[in-house]
Amino acid sequence: MKRQPILKFMKHLKALDRPVFTTREAAGLSGKSISAATQALNFLEREGFVFRAHRGVWAQIEKNNISPYTLVPYLFPRHRAYVSFISALHLYGIIEQIPQVVTLASTAHTRTVRTKLGVFSVHTIAPDFFRGFDWYKGTGAFLIAEPEKALVDSLYLSGRRKKQFGFFPELNFSKSFSFKRTGYWAGKIPDSRIRSFVKEKLRILVGKGSISCSRALSEQKEHSIDTGVEQSH
């Protein structure tokens, strides 16, 4: 491949100013077709400038310590996904253990996605319960469950016989953590059996935290603002 065109192509990639991008984005910026952009990216991969992180998604090697979380928005073009369960609880400092995989909630089918940046464990959430998330406030641009929803999501999966999401060796709740909010989200679970299961689990956790169980779970009735997908993505 000729030197000048490839240097110009690389300049377009640098203009993205982020470590991860798609073939389609590279094609749009460079004015090339998808086929030509793929050919150019394959050349750059052989030269050691980029690598294919996932199908149709690339990462720039010069960007050091690329977090696997940066890949989350690119994994499912036809479905949205947000970081939740164990991974979200760890990012919020609620649990100390470092997850071996990134756990995601999605309306897509449950699956494990292996990429060069990390392994993602995707778990299906009922469409009516796919809410309670927003953009991460730290480094990276990805969607994440609010702390209370991440806990309820974990118990939700535990109620669906995924027991690994119901056992927590230790939970560190900050002063800003709201058990009122967990009660609210528990009340939004569509399945009545799982809803009852989660509420009971919350009662146990609230008891361990020396917080009034009846107050924490009854306050959801006073909480009339719906921060679902329509409002907080």
Protein backbone atom coordinates (compact mmCIF):
# COMPACT_ATOMS: atom_id res chain seq x y z
CA MET A 1 0.00 0.00 0.00
CA LYS A 2 1.36 3.42 -0.94
CA ARG A 3 2.88 5.51 1.84
CA GLN A 4 1.03 8.81 1.28
CA PRO A 5 -2.51 7.40 1.26
CA ILE A 6 -1.85 5.33 4.37
CA LEU A 7 -0.34 8.28 6.25
CA LYS A 8 -3.41 10.33 5.36
CA PHE A 9 -5.62 7.47 6.53
CA MET A 10 -3.78 7.32 9.87
CA LYS A 11 -4.25 11.07 10.28
CA HIS A 12 -8.00 10.56 9.99
CA LEU A 13 -7.87 7.87 12.68
CA LYS A 14 -5.97 10.17 15.05
CA ALA A 15 -8.67 12.81 14.52
CA LEU A 16 -11.11 10.48 16.32
CA ASP A 17 -9.14 11.17 19.52
CA ARG A 18 -10.20 7.91 21.14
CA PRO A 19 -8.62 4.47 21.26
CA VAL A 20 -11.50 2.41 19.85
CA PHE A 21 -13.35 2.92 16.57
CA THR A 22 -15.31 1.00 13.97
CA THR A 23 -14.52 0.20 10.36
CA ARG A 24 -17.53 2.27 9.36
CA GLU A 25 -16.22 5.31 11.28
CA ALA A 26 -12.81 4.97 9.64
CA ALA A 27 -14.43 4.72 6.21
CA GLY A 28 -16.60 7.79 6.83
CA LEU A 29 -13.72 9.96 8.00
CA SER A 30 -11.38 8.93 5.22
CA GLY A 31 -13.93 8.97 2.42
CA LYS A 32 -13.12 5.35 1.59
CA SER A 33 -15.52 2.50 1.02
CA ILE A 34 -15.96 -0.08 3.79
CA SER A 35 -13.93 -2.53 1.73
CA ALA A 36 -11.07 -0.08 1.16
CA ALA A 37 -11.07 0.98 4.82
CA THR A 38 -10.91 -2.66 5.91
CA GLN A 39 -7.96 -3.23 3.58
CA ALA A 40 -6.16 -0.18 5.00
CA LEU A 41 -6.84 -1.29 8.58
CA ASN A 42 -5.60 -4.80 7.84
CA PHE A 43 -2.38 -3.25 6.52
CA LEU A 44 -2.02 -1.09 9.65
CA GLU A 45 -2.59 -4.16 11.80
CA ARG A 46 0.24 -6.02 10.05
CA GLU A 47 2.45 -2.96 10.59
CA GLY A 48 1.62 -2.90 14.30
CA PHE A 49 -0.36 0.36 14.48
CA VAL A 50 -3.84 -1.02 15.23
CA PHE A 51 -5.42 -4.34 16.15
CA ARG A 52 -8.84 -5.84 15.59
CA ALA A 53 -10.51 -5.80 19.01
CA HIS A 54 -13.79 -7.32 17.87
CA ARG A 55 -15.72 -7.85 14.67
CA GLY A 56 -15.72 -4.51 12.86
CA VAL A 57 -14.06 -2.77 15.83
CA TRP A 58 -10.43 -1.67 16.06
CA ALA A 59 -8.09 -0.23 18.66
CA GLN A 60 -4.99 1.93 18.29
CA ILE A 61 -1.91 0.27 19.78
CA GLU A 62 -0.29 3.57 20.74
CA LYS A 63 -3.14 4.21 23.18
CA ASN A 64 -1.77 2.48 26.28
CA ASN A 65 -3.83 0.56 28.82
CA ILE A 66 -7.07 0.48 26.88
CA SER A 67 -9.85 -0.46 29.27
CA PRO A 68 -12.16 -3.28 28.16
CA TYR A 69 -15.07 -1.03 29.18
CA THR A 70 -14.36 1.22 26.19
CA LEU A 71 -15.51 -1.64 23.98
CA VAL A 72 -18.97 -1.95 25.56
CA PRO A 73 -20.81 0.51 23.24
CA TYR A 74 -19.51 -1.34 20.18
CA LEU A 75 -20.37 -4.94 21.05
CA PHE A 76 -24.02 -5.02 19.96
CA PRO A 77 -24.90 -2.70 17.07
CA ARG A 78 -28.56 -3.73 17.21
CA HIS A 79 -28.92 -3.85 21.00
CA ARG A 80 -27.94 -1.59 23.84
CA ALA A 81 -26.01 -2.94 26.79
CA TYR A 82 -24.94 -1.44 30.08
CA VAL A 83 -22.38 -2.48 32.68
CA SER A 84 -24.11 -3.97 35.71
CA PHE A 85 -24.00 -6.80 38.26
CA ILE A 86 -20.56 -7.60 39.71
CA SER A 87 -18.61 -5.27 37.39
CA ALA A 88 -20.72 -2.22 38.24
CA LEU A 89 -20.64 -3.00 41.96
CA HIS A 90 -16.85 -3.18 41.77
CA LEU A 91 -16.56 0.12 39.88
CA TYR A 92 -18.67 1.78 42.58
CA GLY A 93 -16.49 0.28 45.32
CA ILE A 94 -19.38 -1.75 46.78
CA ILE A 95 -17.42 -4.98 46.38
CA GLU A 96 -13.65 -5.23 46.42
CA GLN A 97 -13.17 -8.39 44.34
CA ILE A 98 -12.01 -7.68 40.80
CA PRO A 99 -14.28 -9.43 38.27
CA GLN A 100 -12.55 -11.76 35.82
CA VAL A 101 -15.06 -10.78 33.14
CA VAL A 102 -17.06 -7.62 32.41
CA THR A 103 -20.71 -8.29 33.23
CA LEU A 104 -23.31 -6.63 31.04
CA ALA A 105 -27.10 -6.34 31.04
CA SER A 106 -28.78 -6.34 27.64
CA THR A 107 -31.95 -7.28 25.83
CA ALA A 108 -29.74 -9.43 23.60
CA HIS A 109 -29.41 -13.16 24.24
CA THR A 110 -27.26 -14.33 27.12
CA ARG A 111 -23.79 -15.15 25.87
CA THR A 112 -20.07 -14.83 26.46
CA VAL A 113 -18.17 -12.54 24.10
CA ARG A 114 -14.39 -12.98 23.91
CA THR A 115 -12.34 -10.11 22.52
CA LYS A 116 -8.71 -9.03 22.52
CA LEU A 117 -9.54 -6.43 25.18
CA GLY A 118 -11.34 -8.77 27.54
CA VAL A 119 -14.17 -11.22 28.09
CA PHE A 120 -17.75 -9.98 28.40
CA SER A 121 -20.52 -11.94 30.08
CA VAL A 122 -23.86 -10.74 28.71
CA HIS A 123 -27.08 -11.46 30.59
CA THR A 124 -30.58 -10.91 29.31
CA ILE A 125 -32.77 -8.44 31.18
CA ALA A 126 -36.51 -8.23 30.55
CA PRO A 127 -37.20 -5.24 28.24
CA ASP A 128 -39.52 -3.68 30.86
CA PHE A 129 -36.68 -3.86 33.39
CA PHE A 130 -33.99 -2.52 31.04
CA ARG A 131 -33.61 0.85 32.70
CA GLY A 132 -31.87 2.60 35.58
CA PHE A 133 -28.58 3.33 33.84
CA ASP A 134 -26.65 6.35 32.59
CA TRP A 135 -23.24 7.29 31.21
CA TYR A 136 -20.31 6.45 33.46
CA LYS A 137 -19.00 9.51 35.27
CA GLY A 138 -15.39 8.28 35.37
CA THR A 139 -12.96 7.55 32.55
CA GLY A 140 -14.56 6.02 29.47
CA ALA A 141 -17.79 6.45 27.57
CA PHE A 142 -20.09 3.56 28.40
CA LEU A 143 -23.45 3.01 30.03
CA ILE A 144 -23.57 1.71 33.59
CA ALA A 145 -26.33 0.87 36.04
CA GLU A 146 -26.79 3.24 38.94
CA PRO A 147 -25.41 1.59 42.14
CA GLU A 148 -28.80 0.56 43.51
CA LYS A 149 -29.94 -0.89 40.18
CA ALA A 150 -26.67 -2.86 39.84
CA LEU A 151 -27.39 -4.55 43.17
CA VAL A 152 -31.00 -5.28 42.23
CA ASP A 153 -29.91 -6.54 38.81
CA SER A 154 -27.59 -9.02 40.55
CA LEU A 155 -30.37 -10.27 42.82
CA TYR A 156 -32.69 -10.39 39.79
CA LEU A 157 -30.34 -12.84 38.06
CA SER A 158 -29.92 -14.79 41.29
CA GLY A 159 -33.69 -15.24 41.31
CA ARG A 160 -33.41 -16.76 37.86
CA ARG A 161 -31.18 -19.54 39.24
CA LYS A 162 -27.89 -17.82 38.54
CA LYS A 163 -26.69 -18.28 42.10
CA GLN A 164 -23.25 -16.72 41.55
CA PHE A 165 -24.96 -13.31 41.46
CA GLY A 166 -26.64 -13.72 44.83
CA PHE A 167 -23.60 -14.33 47.02
CA PHE A 168 -21.52 -11.37 48.15
CA PRO A 169 -18.65 -11.99 50.60
CA GLU A 170 -18.80 -8.35 51.71
CA LEU A 171 -20.69 -5.26 50.62
CA ASN A 172 -19.44 -1.75 51.32
CA PHE A 173 -22.29 0.71 50.99
CA SER A 174 -21.40 4.39 50.90
CA LYS A 175 -23.50 7.00 52.68
CA SER A 176 -25.00 8.01 49.34
CA PHE A 177 -26.29 4.49 48.65
CA SER A 178 -30.08 4.46 48.92
CA PHE A 179 -31.94 1.37 50.10
CA LYS A 180 -35.07 3.31 49.29
CA ARG A 181 -33.88 3.25 45.68
CA THR A 182 -33.24 -0.49 45.73
CA GLY A 183 -36.79 -1.00 46.95
CA TYR A 184 -38.02 1.13 44.09
CA TRP A 185 -36.15 -0.95 41.51
CA ALA A 186 -37.21 -4.23 43.11
CA GLY A 187 -40.79 -3.10 42.70
CA LYS A 188 -40.21 -2.65 38.96
CA ILE A 189 -39.33 -6.32 38.34
CA PRO A 190 -42.06 -7.67 36.01
CA ASP A 191 -41.99 -11.28 37.26
CA SER A 192 -43.87 -11.49 40.59
CA ARG A 193 -41.92 -14.53 41.81
CA ILE A 194 -38.54 -12.92 41.15
CA ARG A 195 -39.81 -9.61 42.55
CA SER A 196 -40.71 -11.29 45.86
CA PHE A 197 -37.38 -13.13 45.90
CA VAL A 198 -35.41 -9.91 45.40
CA LYS A 199 -37.36 -8.02 48.05
CA GLU A 200 -36.65 -10.77 50.55
CA LYS A 201 -32.94 -10.69 49.70
CA LEU A 202 -32.96 -6.92 50.18
CA ARG A 203 -34.58 -7.30 53.58
CA ILE A 204 -31.70 -9.54 54.60
CA LEU A 205 -29.10 -7.08 53.27
CA VAL A 206 -30.82 -4.13 54.92
CA GLY A 207 -30.87 -6.03 58.20
CA LYS A 208 -27.13 -6.64 57.94
CA GLY A 209 -26.66 -2.94 57.34
CA SER A 210 -28.66 -2.08 60.48
CA ILE A 211 -31.09 -0.06 58.39
CA SER A 212 -34.82 -0.19 58.94
CA CYS A 213 -36.11 -2.81 56.52
CA SER A 214 -39.70 -1.63 56.56
CA ARG A 215 -38.63 1.97 55.92
CA ALA A 216 -36.26 1.05 53.09
CA LEU A 217 -38.76 -1.06 51.20
CA SER A 218 -41.88 0.99 51.90
CA GLU A 219 -40.26 4.23 50.75
CA GLN A 220 -40.54 3.01 47.15
CA LYS A 221 -44.24 3.88 47.34
CA GLU A 222 -43.30 7.50 47.90
CA HIS A 223 -40.90 7.52 44.99
CA SER A 224 -42.97 8.60 42.01
CA ILE A 225 -40.23 9.62 39.55
CA ASP A 226 -39.50 6.99 36.92
CA THR A 227 -35.84 7.20 35.85
CA GLY A 228 -36.10 4.47 33.27
CA VAL A 229 -34.63 4.30 29.81
CA GLU A 230 -36.65 7.26 28.66
CA GLN A 231 -34.93 9.57 31.17
CA SER A 232 -31.60 8.03 32.14
CA HIS A 233 -31.06 5.91 29.06
